[in-house]
Structure formats: structure tokens, C-alpha cells
């Protein structure tokens, strides 16, 4: 059957998120506080892992996300809330 593979990247001024899931089950997420990737998989399944560097890539994506967030704030600064 069909599977749902999902990747989420998000940020704010003070926080960030990077997560991968398959069929609604979280496979990996970036723990930016402890500076590591986490595999929240139960012990009874074969371990699924990503290539080396996936955490470093998530950190780099956070920098891009925060840079884009700043640019959007500047670009939308003078746009009225209502047309």
C-alpha cells in the first residue's frame, strides 16, 4: 500500500524543529538543546537510521529558516492587516 513520508522544518527566534516521520510514526528528530539527533524507535523493531550528518544538516537548515524569517518580517513590515 501507500505510505506517508513527512519531513517538518520550522523555526522561531528562540526555537526550532526538524523531524522525519513515516505513516504517522516519528523516525528521527533534532534535539537542538542537547545538540544531537534522536531516534525514538521502540526496541522491538529493526533500527532505522539516516546517513551521517543529518543533524548537522538540520542545524544548517535552522540558520536558513531564521534568516528567511528575518527577511519576511522586513518585507511584510508595511503591509496592512486588511486590504
PDB file of N, CA and C in Angstrom:
ATOM      1  N   UNK A   1       0.801  -1.176   0.000  1.00  0.00           N
ATOM      2  CA  UNK A   1       0.000   0.000   0.000  1.00  0.00           C
ATOM      3  C   UNK A   1       0.855   1.254   0.000  1.00  0.00           C
ATOM      4  N   UNK A   2       0.177   2.360   0.061  1.00  0.00           N
ATOM      5  CA  UNK A   2       0.829   3.650   0.065  1.00  0.00           C
ATOM      6  C   UNK A   2       1.286   4.027   1.474  1.00  0.00           C
ATOM      7  N   UNK A   3       2.383   4.774   1.547  1.00  0.00           N
ATOM      8  CA  UNK A   3       2.917   5.249   2.820  1.00  0.00           C
ATOM      9  C   UNK A   3       2.966   6.773   2.800  1.00  0.00           C
ATOM     10  N   UNK A   4       2.938   7.360   3.980  1.00  0.00           N
ATOM     11  CA  UNK A   4       3.053   8.807   4.125  1.00  0.00           C
ATOM     12  C   UNK A   4       4.393   9.102   4.781  1.00  0.00           C
ATOM     13  N   UNK A   5       5.281   9.730   4.016  1.00  0.00           N
ATOM     14  CA  UNK A   5       6.606  10.115   4.485  1.00  0.00           C
ATOM     15  C   UNK A   5       6.585  11.627   4.680  1.00  0.00           C
ATOM     16  N   UNK A   6       6.922  12.097   5.885  1.00  0.00           N
ATOM     17  CA  UNK A   6       6.785  13.511   6.205  1.00  0.00           C
ATOM     18  C   UNK A   6       8.078  14.055   6.799  1.00  0.00           C
ATOM     19  N   UNK A   7       8.435  15.263   6.394  1.00  0.00           N
ATOM     20  CA  UNK A   7       9.571  15.992   6.952  1.00  0.00           C
ATOM     21  C   UNK A   7       9.082  17.373   7.349  1.00  0.00           C
ATOM     22  N   UNK A   8       9.359  17.772   8.589  1.00  0.00           N
ATOM     23  CA  UNK A   8       8.931  19.080   9.085  1.00  0.00           C
ATOM     24  C   UNK A   8      10.153  19.877   9.490  1.00  0.00           C
ATOM     25  N   UNK A   9      10.239  21.102   9.000  1.00  0.00           N
ATOM     26  CA  UNK A   9      11.268  22.053   9.403  1.00  0.00           C
ATOM     27  C   UNK A   9      10.562  23.342   9.782  1.00  0.00           C
ATOM     28  N   UNK A  10      10.889  23.878  10.944  1.00  0.00           N
ATOM     29  CA  UNK A  10      10.282  25.132  11.372  1.00  0.00           C
ATOM     30  C   UNK A  10      11.187  25.851  12.346  1.00  0.00           C
ATOM     31  N   UNK A  11      10.961  27.147  12.505  1.00  0.00           N
ATOM     32  CA  UNK A  11      11.788  27.915  13.431  1.00  0.00           C
ATOM     33  C   UNK A  11      11.047  29.137  13.923  1.00  0.00           C
ATOM     34  N   UNK A  12      11.576  29.670  15.013  1.00  0.00           N
ATOM     35  CA  UNK A  12      11.178  30.965  15.546  1.00  0.00           C
ATOM     36  C   UNK A  12      12.463  31.651  15.975  1.00  0.00           C
ATOM     37  N   UNK A  13      12.343  32.823  16.587  1.00  0.00           N
ATOM     38  CA  UNK A  13      13.544  33.498  17.062  1.00  0.00           C
ATOM     39  C   UNK A  13      14.273  32.689  18.132  1.00  0.00           C
ATOM     40  N   UNK A  14      13.530  31.909  18.894  1.00  0.00           N
ATOM     41  CA  UNK A  14      14.130  31.225  20.044  1.00  0.00           C
ATOM     42  C   UNK A  14      14.073  29.700  19.982  1.00  0.00           C
ATOM     43  N   UNK A  15      13.476  29.135  18.951  1.00  0.00           N
ATOM     44  CA  UNK A  15      13.301  27.683  18.924  1.00  0.00           C
ATOM     45  C   UNK A  15      13.347  27.177  17.489  1.00  0.00           C
ATOM     46  N   UNK A  16      13.441  25.855  17.339  1.00  0.00           N
ATOM     47  CA  UNK A  16      13.445  25.261  16.016  1.00  0.00           C
ATOM     48  C   UNK A  16      12.977  23.821  16.060  1.00  0.00           C
ATOM     49  N   UNK A  17      12.644  23.291  14.882  1.00  0.00           N
ATOM     50  CA  UNK A  17      12.148  21.926  14.781  1.00  0.00           C
ATOM     51  C   UNK A  17      12.617  21.319  13.470  1.00  0.00           C
ATOM     52  N   UNK A  18      13.068  20.082  13.538  1.00  0.00           N
ATOM     53  CA  UNK A  18      13.329  19.254  12.356  1.00  0.00           C
ATOM     54  C   UNK A  18      12.944  17.842  12.734  1.00  0.00           C
ATOM     55  N   UNK A  19      12.059  17.235  11.937  1.00  0.00           N
ATOM     56  CA  UNK A  19      11.541  15.920  12.270  1.00  0.00           C
ATOM     57  C   UNK A  19      11.224  15.154  10.994  1.00  0.00           C
ATOM     58  N   UNK A  20      11.455  13.839  11.028  1.00  0.00           N
ATOM     59  CA  UNK A  20      11.069  12.933   9.948  1.00  0.00           C
ATOM     60  C   UNK A  20      10.127  11.885  10.522  1.00  0.00           C
ATOM     61  N   UNK A  21       9.073  11.564   9.762  1.00  0.00           N
ATOM     62  CA  UNK A  21       8.157  10.512  10.206  1.00  0.00           C
ATOM     63  C   UNK A  21       7.733   9.657   9.016  1.00  0.00           C
ATOM     64  N   UNK A  22       7.220   8.494   9.317  1.00  0.00           N
ATOM     65  CA  UNK A  22       6.696   7.576   8.313  1.00  0.00           C
ATOM     66  C   UNK A  22       5.396   7.011   8.845  1.00  0.00           C
ATOM     67  N   UNK A  23       4.322   7.191   8.089  1.00  0.00           N
ATOM     68  CA  UNK A  23       2.996   6.701   8.466  1.00  0.00           C
ATOM     69  C   UNK A  23       2.591   7.149   9.869  1.00  0.00           C
ATOM     70  N   UNK A  24       2.891   8.388  10.202  1.00  0.00           N
ATOM     71  CA  UNK A  24       2.480   8.950  11.485  1.00  0.00           C
ATOM     72  C   UNK A  24       3.380   8.604  12.654  1.00  0.00           C
ATOM     73  N   UNK A  25       4.441   7.826  12.409  1.00  0.00           N
ATOM     74  CA  UNK A  25       5.375   7.452  13.471  1.00  0.00           C
ATOM     75  C   UNK A  25       6.666   8.241  13.299  1.00  0.00           C
ATOM     76  N   UNK A  26       7.084   8.901  14.360  1.00  0.00           N
ATOM     77  CA  UNK A  26       8.301   9.693  14.317  1.00  0.00           C
ATOM     78  C   UNK A  26       9.518   8.781  14.181  1.00  0.00           C
ATOM     79  N   UNK A  27      10.347   9.036  13.149  1.00  0.00           N
ATOM     80  CA  UNK A  27      11.559   8.232  12.931  1.00  0.00           C
ATOM     81  C   UNK A  27      12.799   8.904  13.496  1.00  0.00           C
ATOM     82  N   UNK A  28      12.842  10.241  13.406  1.00  0.00           N
ATOM     83  CA  UNK A  28      14.030  10.990  13.840  1.00  0.00           C
ATOM     84  C   UNK A  28      13.637  12.430  14.096  1.00  0.00           C
ATOM     85  N   UNK A  29      14.255  13.047  15.108  1.00  0.00           N
ATOM     86  CA  UNK A  29      14.094  14.479  15.297  1.00  0.00           C
ATOM     87  C   UNK A  29      15.383  15.071  15.842  1.00  0.00           C
ATOM     88  N   UNK A  30      15.572  16.348  15.591  1.00  0.00           N
ATOM     89  CA  UNK A  30      16.754  17.066  16.063  1.00  0.00           C
ATOM     90  C   UNK A  30      16.480  17.606  17.455  1.00  0.00           C
ATOM     91  N   UNK A  31      17.340  17.264  18.389  1.00  0.00           N
ATOM     92  CA  UNK A  31      17.296  17.812  19.744  1.00  0.00           C
ATOM     93  C   UNK A  31      18.325  18.935  19.783  1.00  0.00           C
ATOM     94  N   UNK A  32      17.875  20.160  19.475  1.00  0.00           N
ATOM     95  CA  UNK A  32      18.796  21.289  19.391  1.00  0.00           C
ATOM     96  C   UNK A  32      19.329  21.707  20.758  1.00  0.00           C
ATOM     97  N   UNK A  33      18.643  21.369  21.822  1.00  0.00           N
ATOM     98  CA  UNK A  33      19.118  21.711  23.170  1.00  0.00           C
ATOM     99  C   UNK A  33      20.329  20.866  23.542  1.00  0.00           C
ATOM    100  N   UNK A  34      20.257  19.558  23.255  1.00  0.00           N
ATOM    101  CA  UNK A  34      21.358  18.639  23.590  1.00  0.00           C
ATOM    102  C   UNK A  34      22.300  18.378  22.414  1.00  0.00           C
ATOM    103  N   UNK A  35      22.073  19.060  21.299  1.00  0.00           N
ATOM    104  CA  UNK A  35      22.958  19.013  20.127  1.00  0.00           C
ATOM    105  C   UNK A  35      23.142  17.597  19.585  1.00  0.00           C
ATOM    106  N   UNK A  36      22.012  16.932  19.286  1.00  0.00           N
ATOM    107  CA  UNK A  36      22.090  15.570  18.760  1.00  0.00           C
ATOM    108  C   UNK A  36      20.787  15.209  18.049  1.00  0.00           C
ATOM    109  N   UNK A  37      20.877  14.170  17.237  1.00  0.00           N
ATOM    110  CA  UNK A  37      19.691  13.611  16.624  1.00  0.00           C
ATOM    111  C   UNK A  37      19.155  12.485  17.495  1.00  0.00           C
ATOM    112  N   UNK A  38      17.836  12.322  17.528  1.00  0.00           N
ATOM    113  CA  UNK A  38      17.197  11.315  18.372  1.00  0.00           C
ATOM    114  C   UNK A  38      16.371  10.377  17.498  1.00  0.00           C
ATOM    115  N   UNK A  39      16.533   9.097  17.728  1.00  0.00           N
ATOM    116  CA  UNK A  39      15.748   8.054  17.054  1.00  0.00           C
ATOM    117  C   UNK A  39      14.775   7.464  18.069  1.00  0.00           C
ATOM    118  N   UNK A  40      13.532   7.975  18.149  1.00  0.00           N
ATOM    119  CA  UNK A  40      12.583   7.484  19.154  1.00  0.00           C
ATOM    120  C   UNK A  40      11.873   6.206  18.705  1.00  0.00           C
ATOM    121  N   UNK A  41      12.640   5.167  18.434  1.00  0.00           N
ATOM    122  CA  UNK A  41      12.081   3.918  17.918  1.00  0.00           C
ATOM    123  C   UNK A  41      12.050   2.875  19.029  1.00  0.00           C
ATOM    124  N   UNK A  42      10.996   2.088  19.058  1.00  0.00           N
ATOM    125  CA  UNK A  42      10.929   1.039  20.078  1.00  0.00           C
ATOM    126  C   UNK A  42      11.998  -0.020  19.849  1.00  0.00           C
ATOM    127  N   UNK A  43      12.380  -0.702  20.896  1.00  0.00           N
ATOM    128  CA  UNK A  43      13.466  -1.691  20.828  1.00  0.00           C
ATOM    129  C   UNK A  43      13.099  -2.939  20.041  1.00  0.00           C
ATOM    130  N   UNK A  44      11.810  -3.196  19.815  1.00  0.00           N
ATOM    131  CA  UNK A  44      11.405  -4.442  19.145  1.00  0.00           C
ATOM    132  C   UNK A  44      11.411  -4.357  17.616  1.00  0.00           C
ATOM    133  N   UNK A  45      11.813  -3.207  17.039  1.00  0.00           N
ATOM    134  CA  UNK A  45      11.887  -3.118  15.582  1.00  0.00           C
ATOM    135  C   UNK A  45      13.346  -3.041  15.152  1.00  0.00           C
ATOM    136  N   UNK A  46      13.582  -3.341  13.876  1.00  0.00           N
ATOM    137  CA  UNK A  46      14.921  -3.127  13.324  1.00  0.00           C
ATOM    138  C   UNK A  46      15.169  -1.626  13.271  1.00  0.00           C
ATOM    139  N   UNK A  47      16.335  -1.219  13.765  1.00  0.00           N
ATOM    140  CA  UNK A  47      16.668   0.197  13.873  1.00  0.00           C
ATOM    141  C   UNK A  47      16.773   0.838  12.489  1.00  0.00           C
ATOM    142  N   UNK A  48      16.097   1.959  12.313  1.00  0.00           N
ATOM    143  CA  UNK A  48      16.155   2.750  11.092  1.00  0.00           C
ATOM    144  C   UNK A  48      17.085   3.919  11.372  1.00  0.00           C
ATOM    145  N   UNK A  49      18.038   4.166  10.492  1.00  0.00           N
ATOM    146  CA  UNK A  49      18.940   5.299  10.720  1.00  0.00           C
ATOM    147  C   UNK A  49      19.173   6.052   9.415  1.00  0.00           C
ATOM    148  N   UNK A  50      19.631   7.281   9.575  1.00  0.00           N
ATOM    149  CA  UNK A  50      19.940   8.136   8.440  1.00  0.00           C
ATOM    150  C   UNK A  50      21.450   8.212   8.255  1.00  0.00           C
ATOM    151  N   UNK A  51      21.858   8.758   7.132  1.00  0.00           N
ATOM    152  CA  UNK A  51      23.286   8.900   6.848  1.00  0.00           C
ATOM    153  C   UNK A  51      23.915   9.857   7.850  1.00  0.00           C
ATOM    154  N   UNK A  52      25.207   9.734   8.035  1.00  0.00           N
ATOM    155  CA  UNK A  52      25.927  10.618   8.934  1.00  0.00           C
ATOM    156  C   UNK A  52      25.789  12.057   8.449  1.00  0.00           C
ATOM    157  N   UNK A  53      25.605  12.978   9.364  1.00  0.00           N
ATOM    158  CA  UNK A  53      25.485  14.384   9.011  1.00  0.00           C
ATOM    159  C   UNK A  53      24.065  14.910   8.997  1.00  0.00           C
ATOM    160  N   UNK A  54      23.086  14.064   9.285  1.00  0.00           N
ATOM    161  CA  UNK A  54      21.696  14.524   9.239  1.00  0.00           C
ATOM    162  C   UNK A  54      21.446  15.596  10.302  1.00  0.00           C
ATOM    163  N   UNK A  55      22.065  15.483  11.475  1.00  0.00           N
ATOM    164  CA  UNK A  55      21.898  16.519  12.496  1.00  0.00           C
ATOM    165  C   UNK A  55      22.557  17.828  12.046  1.00  0.00           C
ATOM    166  N   UNK A  56      23.758  17.742  11.504  1.00  0.00           N
ATOM    167  CA  UNK A  56      24.445  18.950  11.023  1.00  0.00           C
ATOM    168  C   UNK A  56      23.640  19.644   9.927  1.00  0.00           C
ATOM    169  N   UNK A  57      22.998  18.874   9.080  1.00  0.00           N
ATOM    170  CA  UNK A  57      22.137  19.429   8.045  1.00  0.00           C
ATOM    171  C   UNK A  57      20.932  20.138   8.675  1.00  0.00           C
ATOM    172  N   UNK A  58      20.369  19.553   9.724  1.00  0.00           N
ATOM    173  CA  UNK A  58      19.238  20.179  10.413  1.00  0.00           C
ATOM    174  C   UNK A  58      19.650  21.516  11.025  1.00  0.00           C
ATOM    175  N   UNK A  59      20.855  21.581  11.584  1.00  0.00           N
ATOM    176  CA  UNK A  59      21.367  22.834  12.151  1.00  0.00           C
ATOM    177  C   UNK A  59      21.506  23.890  11.047  1.00  0.00           C
ATOM    178  N   UNK A  60      22.046  23.493   9.908  1.00  0.00           N
ATOM    179  CA  UNK A  60      22.199  24.420   8.783  1.00  0.00           C
ATOM    180  C   UNK A  60      20.837  24.910   8.292  1.00  0.00           C
ATOM    181  N   UNK A  61      19.845  24.008   8.237  1.00  0.00           N
ATOM    182  CA  UNK A  61      18.502  24.395   7.807  1.00  0.00           C
ATOM    183  C   UNK A  61      17.874  25.393   8.770  1.00  0.00           C
ATOM    184  N   UNK A  62      18.213  25.284  10.058  1.00  0.00           N
ATOM    185  CA  UNK A  62      17.704  26.244  11.041  1.00  0.00           C
ATOM    186  C   UNK A  62      18.253  27.643  10.772  1.00  0.00           C
ATOM    187  N   UNK A  63      19.514  27.713  10.385  1.00  0.00           N
ATOM    188  CA  UNK A  63      20.107  29.016  10.076  1.00  0.00           C
ATOM    189  C   UNK A  63      19.413  29.647   8.867  1.00  0.00           C
ATOM    190  N   UNK A  64      19.123  28.846   7.857  1.00  0.00           N
ATOM    191  CA  UNK A  64      18.412  29.341   6.672  1.00  0.00           C
ATOM    192  C   UNK A  64      17.002  29.777   7.055  1.00  0.00           C
ATOM    193  N   UNK A  65      16.338  28.975   7.865  1.00  0.00           N
ATOM    194  CA  UNK A  65      14.971  29.278   8.299  1.00  0.00           C
ATOM    195  C   UNK A  65      14.929  30.606   9.058  1.00  0.00           C
ATOM    196  N   UNK A  66      15.861  30.801   9.983  1.00  0.00           N
ATOM    197  CA  UNK A  66      15.877  32.037  10.774  1.00  0.00           C
ATOM    198  C   UNK A  66      16.235  33.248   9.916  1.00  0.00           C
ATOM    199  N   UNK A  67      17.116  33.069   8.944  1.00  0.00           N
ATOM    200  CA  UNK A  67      17.449  34.150   8.016  1.00  0.00           C
ATOM    201  C   UNK A  67      16.227  34.528   7.182  1.00  0.00           C
ATOM    202  N   UNK A  68      15.506  33.526   6.678  1.00  0.00           N
ATOM    203  CA  UNK A  68      14.300  33.782   5.892  1.00  0.00           C
ATOM    204  C   UNK A  68      13.215  34.441   6.739  1.00  0.00           C
ATOM    205  N   UNK A  69      13.128  34.056   8.013  1.00  0.00           N
ATOM    206  CA  UNK A  69      12.150  34.652   8.915  1.00  0.00           C
ATOM    207  C   UNK A  69      12.403  36.151   9.060  1.00  0.00           C
ATOM    208  N   UNK A  70      13.665  36.533   9.221  1.00  0.00           N
ATOM    209  CA  UNK A  70      14.015  37.951   9.327  1.00  0.00           C
ATOM    210  C   UNK A  70      13.657  38.700   8.044  1.00  0.00           C
ATOM    211  N   UNK A  71      13.948  38.100   6.888  1.00  0.00           N
ATOM    212  CA  UNK A  71      13.645  38.738   5.609  1.00  0.00           C
ATOM    213  C   UNK A  71      12.140  38.923   5.425  1.00  0.00           C
ATOM    214  N   UNK A  72      11.368  37.948   5.825  1.00  0.00           N
ATOM    215  CA  UNK A  72       9.912  38.055   5.687  1.00  0.00           C
ATOM    216  C   UNK A  72       9.354  39.147   6.584  1.00  0.00           C
ATOM    217  N   UNK A  73       9.900  39.283   7.780  1.00  0.00           N
ATOM    218  CA  UNK A  73       9.443  40.353   8.671  1.00  0.00           C
ATOM    219  C   UNK A  73       9.702  41.727   8.051  1.00  0.00           C
ATOM    220  N   UNK A  74      10.873  41.904   7.461  1.00  0.00           N
ATOM    221  CA  UNK A  74      11.201  43.178   6.818  1.00  0.00           C
ATOM    222  C   UNK A  74      10.279  43.400   5.623  1.00  0.00           C
ATOM    223  N   UNK A  75      10.090  42.372   4.805  1.00  0.00           N
ATOM    224  CA  UNK A  75       9.262  42.501   3.610  1.00  0.00           C
ATOM    225  C   UNK A  75       7.797  42.740   3.895  1.00  0.00           C
ATOM    226  N   UNK A  76       7.308  42.242   5.025  1.00  0.00           N
ATOM    227  CA  UNK A  76       5.887  42.370   5.359  1.00  0.00           C
ATOM    228  C   UNK A  76       5.621  43.486   6.363  1.00  0.00           C
ATOM    229  N   UNK A  77       6.637  44.246   6.722  1.00  0.00           N
ATOM    230  CA  UNK A  77       6.526  45.258   7.772  1.00  0.00           C
ATOM    231  C   UNK A  77       5.418  46.274   7.495  1.00  0.00           C
ATOM    232  N   UNK A  78       5.300  46.744   6.273  1.00  0.00           N
ATOM    233  CA  UNK A  78       4.353  47.819   5.961  1.00  0.00           C
ATOM    234  C   UNK A  78       3.079  47.326   5.275  1.00  0.00           C
ATOM    235  N   UNK A  79       2.871  46.028   5.220  1.00  0.00           N
ATOM    236  CA  UNK A  79       1.651  45.500   4.603  1.00  0.00           C
ATOM    237  C   UNK A  79       0.507  45.614   5.617  1.00  0.00           C
ATOM    238  N   UNK A  80      -0.616  46.244   5.238  1.00  0.00           N
ATOM    239  CA  UNK A  80      -1.739  46.371   6.181  1.00  0.00           C
ATOM    240  C   UNK A  80      -2.373  45.010   6.476  1.00  0.00           C
ATOM    241  N   UNK A  81      -2.929  44.878   7.687  1.00  0.00           N
ATOM    242  CA  UNK A  81      -3.562  43.626   8.075  1.00  0.00           C
ATOM    243  C   UNK A  81      -4.790  43.329   7.241  1.00  0.00           C
ATOM    244  N   UNK A  82      -5.472  44.374   6.777  1.00  0.00           N
ATOM    245  CA  UNK A  82      -6.653  44.197   5.935  1.00  0.00           C
ATOM    246  C   UNK A  82      -6.463  44.967   4.637  1.00  0.00           C
ATOM    247  N   UNK A  83      -7.033  44.410   3.538  1.00  0.00           N
ATOM    248  CA  UNK A  83      -6.980  45.102   2.245  1.00  0.00           C
ATOM    249  C   UNK A  83      -8.063  46.141   2.174  1.00  0.00           C
TER     250      UNK A  83
END
